Amino acid sequence: MLARFFDLERHGTTLRTELFAGLTTFLTMAYIVVVNPVVLGMAGMPIAGVAAATCISAGFGSILMGVLSNYPLALAPGMGLNAYFTYTVVKTMGVPWQVALGCVFLSAVAFLLLTLCGVRQLIMNAVPRSLFAAVSGGIGLFIAFIGLKDAGIVIYHPGTTVGLGKLTTATPALALLGLLVIAALQARAVKGAMLFGILGTAAVAWIFGLTHFAPMTYRLSDLSSTALRLNIPAALNIGGGVGLSLIEIIFVFLFVDLFDNVGTLMAVTRRAGLVNPDGTVPRMKRILLADSIAMLAGALAGTSPVTSYIESTSGVAVGGRTGLTSVTVGVLFLATLFVAPLVQAIPAVATAPALVLVGAMMMGALAEVDWHEPSEGIPAFLTVIMVPLSYSIANGLAFGIVSHAVLKLVRGQARARDWLVYLLAALCVARFIYLA
């Protein structure tokens, strides 16, 4: 039945290969069950509840993607999107996490409508791929900076703004050890390197008394502490009504999620040989629909936006070619739900190295930018540098879009079909004027 439904024979794969590919993908991205609750926990969200929401949304999203699109794409709450949720929406803008979840839900509804109307496909065609790569690289730097700061490796310095922390103290030293362990495991191509490194670093912290470990009780109230806690009416009334703040949040969630999906989709489909001869991806609308619905489910469960994961390529590398790989990943995430409360025992010093190395992996997208071409290199650089230095993904994205539009005008390359790029640039300029 599975062979027929997922058309395994036509894709040149077997049931055993697909199951093994799913296990491989799961191990490479299982760290999100630990890291996502820590990041969102800094926004005041209950860690056990976020861990459960992470498992549920990743499980549902991956299964939906596999069944609806028949692609080996696994989904989970996105790194970068969770950082924006915590550090920009909640901490900088002062939005309560329940209201922020309402914004995620509204963003997902907007995604779904835009997908059904074909607007997301228009945006994908209008924005250059170099900006997609630049956003990924900028978010990578942003996440790595957060990890280094949380570990005490990088600290505030009054003279230079940032400086090097005291590396001989316990927390920075242990974080550096964790960084080296994870890097070494990755260099040895160990499946689940990130997860094993986090658990190993946490074990050292427990043994030497750097953090307290206490067995957790399993209560339904803990697991459901973020489920259905979103506040949609308050989200619609941010700043006294449907104003710039709400539009900006939805705008960033839309673009970052879209860029994540496009970059991941192209990487996975090319690796799997599933791209058409003309470079298009079959069943694109189904992929975007699955992504939108998964994001809706994630908001209801109580987590930041759900997106596709580049770690899906690890399953493709061992033979995964169909949605059965994604379904396997989803089932494994749902099984992980039963140990979700234990995530509360993982200290931040153990997850900080993972943030740094996730950021390093995201930098690989910058290889797609033609740095010798000013019309590509300059907008890409402004995007990459402004995300971490302004502590805002929205700012970096706006700098990139505006500079791209201006350079096209200056070079006489403006075309009527690029109207959407100039509309987005005008909105970004209006945003800067409003903020000023």
Protein backbone atom coordinates (compact mmCIF):
# COMPACT_ATOMS: atom_id res chain seq x y z
CA MET A 1 0.00 0.00 0.00
CA LEU A 2 2.78 2.42 0.93
CA ALA A 3 4.74 1.50 -2.20
CA ARG A 4 1.73 2.32 -4.37
CA PHE A 5 0.71 5.50 -2.55
CA PHE A 6 4.20 7.05 -2.64
CA ASP A 7 5.05 5.49 -6.02
CA LEU A 8 8.33 4.07 -4.74
CA GLU A 9 9.12 2.03 -7.83
CA ARG A 10 8.87 4.99 -10.21
CA HIS A 11 11.18 7.00 -7.95
CA GLY A 12 13.73 4.18 -7.85
CA THR A 13 13.57 3.59 -4.11
CA THR A 14 12.37 0.98 -1.61
CA LEU A 15 10.46 0.91 1.65
CA ARG A 16 13.61 0.14 3.64
CA THR A 17 15.54 2.98 1.99
CA GLU A 18 12.78 5.49 2.69
CA LEU A 19 12.49 4.48 6.35
CA PHE A 20 16.26 4.70 6.82
CA ALA A 21 16.31 8.10 5.10
CA GLY A 22 13.57 9.31 7.45
CA LEU A 23 15.53 8.15 10.50
CA THR A 24 18.65 9.89 9.19
CA THR A 25 16.81 13.18 8.63
CA PHE A 26 15.19 12.96 12.06
CA LEU A 27 18.52 12.48 13.83
CA THR A 28 20.07 15.47 12.06
CA MET A 29 17.22 17.83 13.02
CA ALA A 30 16.10 16.39 16.37
CA TYR A 31 18.13 19.11 18.12
CA ILE A 32 15.21 21.48 17.47
CA VAL A 33 13.24 19.69 20.19
CA VAL A 34 15.85 20.96 22.66
CA VAL A 35 16.90 24.28 21.11
CA ASN A 36 13.49 25.71 20.18
CA PRO A 37 12.10 25.57 23.75
CA VAL A 38 15.23 27.29 25.06
CA VAL A 39 14.94 30.13 22.51
CA LEU A 40 11.19 30.63 23.02
CA GLY A 41 11.62 30.14 26.76
CA MET A 42 13.54 33.44 26.75
CA ALA A 43 10.28 35.04 25.61
CA GLY A 44 8.63 33.78 28.80
CA MET A 45 6.95 30.74 27.26
CA PRO A 46 6.67 27.50 29.30
CA ILE A 47 9.56 25.29 28.15
CA ALA A 48 7.75 21.95 28.50
CA GLY A 49 4.79 23.29 26.55
CA VAL A 50 7.01 24.60 23.76
CA ALA A 51 8.84 21.26 23.60
CA ALA A 52 5.51 19.47 23.17
CA ALA A 53 4.37 22.02 20.57
CA THR A 54 7.65 21.55 18.71
CA CYS A 55 7.15 17.78 18.52
CA ILE A 56 3.49 18.07 17.50
CA SER A 57 4.03 20.75 14.83
CA ALA A 58 7.10 18.99 13.38
CA GLY A 59 5.27 15.68 13.35
CA PHE A 60 2.10 17.04 11.78
CA GLY A 61 3.93 19.26 9.29
CA SER A 62 6.32 16.55 8.08
CA ILE A 63 3.53 13.98 7.67
CA LEU A 64 1.35 16.51 5.83
CA MET A 65 4.20 17.45 3.50
CA GLY A 66 4.91 13.82 2.71
CA VAL A 67 1.28 12.89 2.04
CA LEU A 68 0.27 16.07 0.18
CA SER A 69 3.37 16.70 -1.97
CA ASN A 70 5.24 13.35 -1.95
CA TYR A 71 8.57 15.11 -1.38
CA PRO A 72 11.24 14.12 1.19
CA LEU A 73 10.92 17.52 2.92
CA ALA A 74 10.77 17.56 6.72
CA LEU A 75 9.28 20.50 8.63
CA ALA A 76 9.73 21.92 12.13
CA PRO A 77 9.74 25.32 13.87
CA GLY A 78 12.39 27.34 12.04
CA MET A 79 15.65 28.58 13.47
CA GLY A 80 15.78 32.30 12.78
CA LEU A 81 12.02 32.62 12.88
CA ASN A 82 12.07 31.60 16.55
CA ALA A 83 14.87 34.13 17.19
CA TYR A 84 12.83 36.87 15.51
CA PHE A 85 9.77 35.82 17.56
CA THR A 86 11.72 36.06 20.84
CA TYR A 87 14.26 38.83 20.42
CA THR A 88 12.41 41.23 18.11
CA VAL A 89 8.66 40.69 18.52
CA VAL A 90 8.57 39.89 22.25
CA LYS A 91 11.69 41.46 23.75
CA THR A 92 12.21 44.52 21.53
CA MET A 93 8.63 45.36 20.51
CA GLY A 94 7.23 44.36 23.91
CA VAL A 95 4.53 42.07 22.48
CA PRO A 96 3.33 39.35 24.94
CA TRP A 97 4.07 35.85 23.66
CA GLN A 98 0.36 34.99 23.48
CA VAL A 99 -0.16 37.96 21.16
CA ALA A 100 2.95 37.01 19.18
CA LEU A 101 1.42 33.55 18.62
CA GLY A 102 -1.68 35.33 17.35
CA CYS A 103 0.56 37.13 14.84
CA VAL A 104 1.99 33.77 13.74
CA PHE A 105 -1.55 32.49 13.18
CA LEU A 106 -2.53 35.57 11.17
CA SER A 107 0.67 35.20 9.14
CA ALA A 108 -0.23 31.59 8.40
CA VAL A 109 -3.72 32.60 7.28
CA ALA A 110 -2.16 35.23 5.02
CA PHE A 111 0.27 32.62 3.66
CA LEU A 112 -2.57 30.26 2.88
CA LEU A 113 -4.59 32.93 1.05
CA LEU A 114 -1.55 34.18 -0.87
CA THR A 115 -0.69 30.62 -1.87
CA LEU A 116 -4.22 29.89 -3.09
CA CYS A 117 -4.19 33.16 -5.09
CA GLY A 118 -0.74 32.47 -6.53
CA VAL A 119 0.84 35.59 -4.97
CA ARG A 120 3.58 33.66 -3.16
CA GLN A 121 4.69 32.28 -6.49
CA LEU A 122 4.79 35.88 -7.85
CA ILE A 123 7.01 36.95 -4.96
CA MET A 124 9.32 34.00 -5.56
CA ASN A 125 9.72 35.04 -9.19
CA ALA A 126 10.15 38.75 -8.41
CA VAL A 127 12.81 38.63 -5.68
CA PRO A 128 16.32 37.58 -6.83
CA ARG A 129 17.76 34.33 -5.49
CA SER A 130 20.78 36.22 -4.17
CA LEU A 131 18.53 37.93 -1.59
CA PHE A 132 17.13 34.56 -0.57
CA ALA A 133 20.69 33.43 0.13
CA ALA A 134 21.58 36.70 1.89
CA VAL A 135 18.64 36.45 4.29
CA SER A 136 19.70 32.92 5.20
CA GLY A 137 23.29 34.05 5.79
CA GLY A 138 22.21 37.07 7.82
CA ILE A 139 19.99 34.94 10.03
CA GLY A 140 22.91 32.53 10.44
CA LEU A 141 25.09 35.34 11.79
CA PHE A 142 22.20 36.51 14.00
CA ILE A 143 21.70 33.06 15.54
CA ALA A 144 25.45 32.51 16.01
CA PHE A 145 25.78 35.89 17.74
CA ILE A 146 22.94 35.01 20.11
CA GLY A 147 24.62 31.68 20.90
CA LEU A 148 28.00 33.32 21.57
CA LYS A 149 26.33 35.92 23.79
CA ASP A 150 24.33 33.34 25.74
CA ALA A 151 27.52 31.35 26.33
CA GLY A 152 29.40 34.37 27.63
CA ILE A 153 31.99 34.04 24.88
CA VAL A 154 30.99 37.45 23.49
CA ILE A 155 30.04 40.15 25.99
CA TYR A 156 29.13 43.83 26.06
CA HIS A 157 32.11 46.21 26.19
CA PRO A 158 31.56 49.97 26.75
CA GLY A 159 34.45 50.99 24.52
CA THR A 160 33.95 48.67 21.55
CA THR A 161 30.29 47.64 22.00
CA VAL A 162 31.26 43.94 22.03
CA GLY A 163 34.27 42.11 23.42
CA LEU A 164 35.62 38.69 24.35
CA GLY A 165 34.36 37.16 27.60
CA LYS A 166 36.49 35.42 30.23
CA LEU A 167 36.98 32.07 28.56
CA THR A 168 38.48 30.45 31.68
CA THR A 169 35.22 30.77 33.63
CA ALA A 170 32.91 27.78 33.77
CA THR A 171 30.13 28.72 31.35
CA PRO A 172 32.24 29.98 28.39
CA ALA A 173 34.73 27.11 28.85
CA LEU A 174 31.99 24.47 28.82
CA ALA A 175 30.29 26.10 25.83
CA LEU A 176 33.58 26.04 23.89
CA LEU A 177 33.98 22.38 24.79
CA GLY A 178 30.49 21.66 23.50
CA LEU A 179 31.27 23.62 20.34
CA LEU A 180 34.38 21.51 19.69
CA VAL A 181 32.57 18.23 20.42
CA ILE A 182 29.69 18.97 18.04
CA ALA A 183 32.09 20.22 15.35
CA ALA A 184 34.22 17.09 15.70
CA LEU A 185 31.17 14.82 15.45
CA GLN A 186 29.97 16.69 12.38
CA ALA A 187 33.44 16.43 10.82
CA ARG A 188 33.24 12.67 11.36
CA ALA A 189 29.79 12.67 9.68
CA VAL A 190 28.09 11.28 12.80
CA LYS A 191 24.30 11.23 12.41
CA GLY A 192 22.70 13.21 15.21
CA ALA A 193 25.94 15.08 15.98
CA MET A 194 24.07 18.18 17.15
CA LEU A 195 21.77 16.25 19.49
CA PHE A 196 24.57 14.11 20.94
CA GLY A 197 26.74 17.19 21.49
CA ILE A 198 23.95 19.00 23.34
CA LEU A 199 23.25 16.01 25.60
CA GLY A 200 26.97 15.45 26.25
CA THR A 201 27.53 19.10 27.21
CA ALA A 202 24.45 19.02 29.44
CA ALA A 203 25.78 15.86 31.15
CA VAL A 204 29.08 17.61 31.96
CA ALA A 205 27.15 20.56 33.38
CA TRP A 206 25.08 18.22 35.59
CA ILE A 207 28.13 16.24 36.78
CA PHE A 208 30.10 19.33 37.83
CA GLY A 209 27.12 21.06 39.38
CA LEU A 210 26.94 23.91 36.87
CA THR A 211 23.22 23.33 36.59
CA HIS A 212 20.66 21.43 38.62
CA PHE A 213 19.06 18.30 37.22
CA ALA A 214 15.79 17.09 38.74
CA PRO A 215 13.52 14.35 37.35
CA MET A 216 10.43 15.85 35.76
CA THR A 217 6.88 14.73 36.33
CA TYR A 218 4.63 14.22 33.33
CA ARG A 219 1.51 16.32 33.58
CA LEU A 220 -0.92 17.07 30.78
CA SER A 221 -1.07 20.70 31.90
CA ASP A 222 2.68 21.04 31.26
CA LEU A 223 2.40 19.65 27.75
CA SER A 224 -0.60 21.81 26.90
CA SER A 225 0.60 25.03 28.56
CA THR A 226 1.11 26.77 25.19
CA ALA A 227 -1.60 25.02 23.14
CA LEU A 228 -4.44 27.33 22.03
CA ARG A 229 -2.97 30.20 24.09
CA LEU A 230 -2.71 32.50 21.06
CA ASN A 231 -4.46 35.85 21.36
CA ILE A 232 -5.71 36.84 17.89
CA PRO A 233 -7.89 39.85 18.89
CA ALA A 234 -4.93 41.44 20.70
CA ALA A 235 -2.69 40.73 17.70
CA LEU A 236 -5.12 42.65 15.47
CA ASN A 237 -4.97 45.55 17.91
CA ILE A 238 -1.18 45.95 18.21
CA GLY A 239 -0.45 49.68 18.30
CA GLY A 240 -4.15 50.52 18.50
CA GLY A 241 -5.31 48.71 15.39
CA VAL A 242 -4.16 46.94 12.25
CA GLY A 243 -1.09 49.10 11.85
CA LEU A 244 2.55 48.99 10.86
CA SER A 245 3.67 46.78 13.74
CA LEU A 246 1.34 43.92 12.83
CA ILE A 247 2.08 44.33 9.10
CA GLU A 248 5.84 44.26 9.78
CA ILE A 249 5.61 41.07 11.84
CA ILE A 250 3.52 39.31 9.17
CA PHE A 251 5.84 40.67 6.45
CA VAL A 252 8.95 39.21 8.10
CA PHE A 253 7.31 35.87 8.88
CA LEU A 254 6.12 35.70 5.26
CA PHE A 255 9.45 36.49 3.65
CA VAL A 256 11.73 34.53 5.94
CA ASP A 257 9.50 31.48 5.74
CA LEU A 258 9.25 31.85 1.95
CA PHE A 259 13.02 32.23 1.57
CA ASP A 260 13.65 29.26 3.87
CA ASN A 261 11.28 27.14 1.81
CA VAL A 262 12.66 28.15 -1.57
CA GLY A 263 16.28 27.62 -0.56
CA THR A 264 15.56 24.29 1.10
CA LEU A 265 13.26 23.16 -1.70
CA MET A 266 15.82 23.82 -4.42
CA ALA A 267 18.62 22.15 -2.45
CA VAL A 268 16.58 19.02 -1.68
CA THR A 269 14.97 18.58 -5.11
CA ARG A 270 18.26 19.09 -6.95
CA ARG A 271 20.01 16.60 -4.68
CA ALA A 272 17.21 14.10 -5.23
CA GLY A 273 17.00 14.70 -8.99
CA LEU A 274 13.35 15.76 -8.77
CA VAL A 275 13.62 19.04 -10.73
CA ASN A 276 12.09 19.35 -14.21
CA PRO A 277 14.46 19.93 -17.18
CA ASP A 278 13.40 23.61 -17.31
CA GLY A 279 14.38 24.10 -13.65
CA THR A 280 10.85 24.19 -12.25
CA VAL A 281 9.71 22.06 -9.31
CA PRO A 282 6.62 19.86 -9.82
CA ARG A 283 3.73 20.20 -7.36
CA MET A 284 5.04 23.54 -6.04
CA LYS A 285 1.56 24.69 -4.95
CA ARG A 286 1.11 21.53 -2.86
CA ILE A 287 4.42 22.19 -1.13
CA LEU A 288 3.43 25.76 -0.27
CA LEU A 289 -0.03 24.62 0.89
CA ALA A 290 1.50 22.03 3.22
CA ASP A 291 3.85 24.69 4.60
CA SER A 292 0.99 27.14 5.23
CA ILE A 293 -1.22 24.57 6.96
CA ALA A 294 1.71 23.36 9.08
CA MET A 295 2.33 26.92 10.22
CA LEU A 296 -1.33 27.25 11.23
CA ALA A 297 -1.05 24.06 13.25
CA GLY A 298 2.18 25.28 14.87
CA ALA A 299 0.56 28.52 16.00
CA LEU A 300 -2.37 26.60 17.52
CA ALA A 301 0.02 24.18 19.27
CA GLY A 302 2.05 27.10 20.62
CA THR A 303 5.28 27.62 18.71
CA SER A 304 6.96 30.00 16.27
CA PRO A 305 6.50 29.52 12.49
CA VAL A 306 7.06 26.05 11.03
CA THR A 307 9.20 25.75 7.90
CA SER A 308 11.09 23.16 5.85
CA TYR A 309 14.56 22.10 7.02
CA ILE A 310 17.77 21.99 5.01
CA GLU A 311 18.66 18.89 7.07
CA SER A 312 16.24 17.08 4.75
CA THR A 313 19.20 16.75 2.38
CA SER A 314 20.78 14.25 4.79
CA GLY A 315 17.89 11.84 4.16
CA VAL A 316 18.09 12.44 0.42
CA ALA A 317 21.83 11.68 0.56
CA VAL A 318 21.10 8.14 1.78
CA GLY A 319 18.40 7.48 -0.83
CA GLY A 320 15.18 9.21 0.29
CA ARG A 321 13.14 10.22 -2.77
CA THR A 322 9.48 10.36 -1.72
CA GLY A 323 7.12 11.66 0.92
CA LEU A 324 7.49 8.43 2.88
CA THR A 325 10.78 9.84 4.16
CA SER A 326 8.93 12.89 5.52
CA VAL A 327 6.17 10.75 7.03
CA THR A 328 8.81 8.69 8.86
CA VAL A 329 10.34 11.89 10.26
CA GLY A 330 6.91 13.04 11.41
CA VAL A 331 6.13 9.78 13.19
CA LEU A 332 9.48 9.93 15.02
CA PHE A 333 8.80 13.51 16.15
CA LEU A 334 5.40 12.50 17.50
CA ALA A 335 7.03 9.61 19.37
CA THR A 336 9.48 12.11 20.91
CA LEU A 337 6.52 13.92 22.48
CA PHE A 338 6.57 11.47 25.40
CA VAL A 339 9.96 12.75 26.61
CA ALA A 340 9.29 16.45 25.86
CA PRO A 341 9.16 17.59 29.54
CA LEU A 342 12.77 16.43 30.03
CA VAL A 343 13.88 19.32 27.85
CA GLN A 344 13.46 21.56 30.91
CA ALA A 345 16.61 19.97 32.35
CA ILE A 346 18.83 21.03 29.41
CA PRO A 347 20.84 24.15 30.41
CA ALA A 348 21.38 27.09 28.06
CA VAL A 349 25.14 26.44 28.10
CA ALA A 350 24.47 23.16 26.28
CA THR A 351 22.29 24.68 23.57
CA ALA A 352 24.44 27.78 22.92
CA PRO A 353 27.06 25.82 20.90
CA ALA A 354 24.26 24.36 18.78
CA LEU A 355 23.02 27.88 17.97
CA VAL A 356 26.52 28.86 16.83
CA LEU A 357 26.89 25.83 14.55
CA VAL A 358 23.36 26.11 13.15
CA GLY A 359 24.34 29.66 12.22
CA ALA A 360 27.50 28.34 10.57
CA MET A 361 25.49 25.88 8.47
CA MET A 362 23.15 28.64 7.30
CA MET A 363 26.12 30.67 6.00
CA GLY A 364 26.63 28.12 3.24
CA ALA A 365 23.81 29.74 1.26
CA LEU A 366 26.03 32.79 0.62
CA ALA A 367 28.00 30.76 -1.93
CA GLU A 368 25.06 31.31 -4.29
CA VAL A 369 25.70 35.07 -4.39
CA ASP A 370 27.77 36.46 -7.26
CA TRP A 371 29.88 38.80 -5.12
CA HIS A 372 31.68 40.21 -8.17
CA GLU A 373 28.40 41.57 -9.56
CA PRO A 374 27.57 44.82 -7.66
CA SER A 375 23.81 44.55 -8.28
CA GLU A 376 23.87 41.21 -6.43
CA GLY A 377 26.75 41.63 -4.00
CA ILE A 378 25.83 45.01 -2.51
CA PRO A 379 22.18 44.19 -1.60
CA ALA A 380 23.30 40.79 -0.31
CA PHE A 381 26.02 42.33 1.88
CA LEU A 382 23.68 44.98 3.31
CA THR A 383 21.15 42.28 4.14
CA VAL A 384 23.72 40.01 5.79
CA ILE A 385 25.37 42.74 7.87
CA MET A 386 22.23 44.58 8.98
CA VAL A 387 20.44 41.53 10.40
CA PRO A 388 22.87 40.91 13.31
CA LEU A 389 24.07 44.52 13.78
CA SER A 390 20.53 45.97 13.99
CA TYR A 391 19.30 42.86 15.82
CA SER A 392 16.43 42.67 13.34
CA ILE A 393 15.71 40.39 10.41
CA ALA A 394 13.18 42.95 9.18
CA ASN A 395 15.84 45.66 8.91
CA GLY A 396 18.24 43.46 6.98
CA LEU A 397 15.51 42.35 4.60
CA ALA A 398 14.40 45.94 4.02
CA PHE A 399 17.95 47.13 3.29
CA GLY A 400 18.40 44.33 0.77
CA ILE A 401 15.11 44.90 -1.08
CA VAL A 402 15.51 48.71 -1.27
CA SER A 403 19.13 48.58 -2.46
CA HIS A 404 18.26 45.91 -5.05
CA ALA A 405 15.44 48.08 -6.45
CA VAL A 406 17.59 51.24 -6.50
CA LEU A 407 20.46 49.51 -8.31
CA LYS A 408 18.11 48.13 -10.96
CA LEU A 409 16.78 51.64 -11.56
CA VAL A 410 20.27 53.18 -11.73
CA ARG A 411 21.42 50.57 -14.24
CA GLY A 412 18.36 51.08 -16.41
CA GLN A 413 17.16 47.54 -15.83
CA ALA A 414 13.73 48.42 -14.45
CA ARG A 415 10.98 46.40 -16.12
CA ALA A 416 7.19 46.50 -15.76
CA ARG A 417 7.16 42.86 -14.73
CA ASP A 418 9.25 43.79 -11.65
CA TRP A 419 6.48 45.99 -10.24
CA LEU A 420 6.22 43.87 -7.09
CA VAL A 421 9.88 44.48 -6.19
CA TYR A 422 9.38 48.26 -6.38
CA LEU A 423 6.17 48.06 -4.37
CA LEU A 424 8.01 46.13 -1.65
CA ALA A 425 10.88 48.63 -1.75
CA ALA A 426 8.43 51.54 -1.38
CA LEU A 427 6.83 49.84 1.63
CA CYS A 428 10.28 49.32 3.19
CA VAL A 429 11.16 53.01 2.69
CA ALA A 430 7.82 54.02 4.26
CA ARG A 431 8.65 51.77 7.21
CA PHE A 432 12.04 53.43 7.72
CA ILE A 433 10.44 56.89 7.61
CA TYR A 434 7.81 55.80 10.14
CA LEU A 435 10.42 54.33 12.51
CA ALA A 436 12.54 57.48 12.25
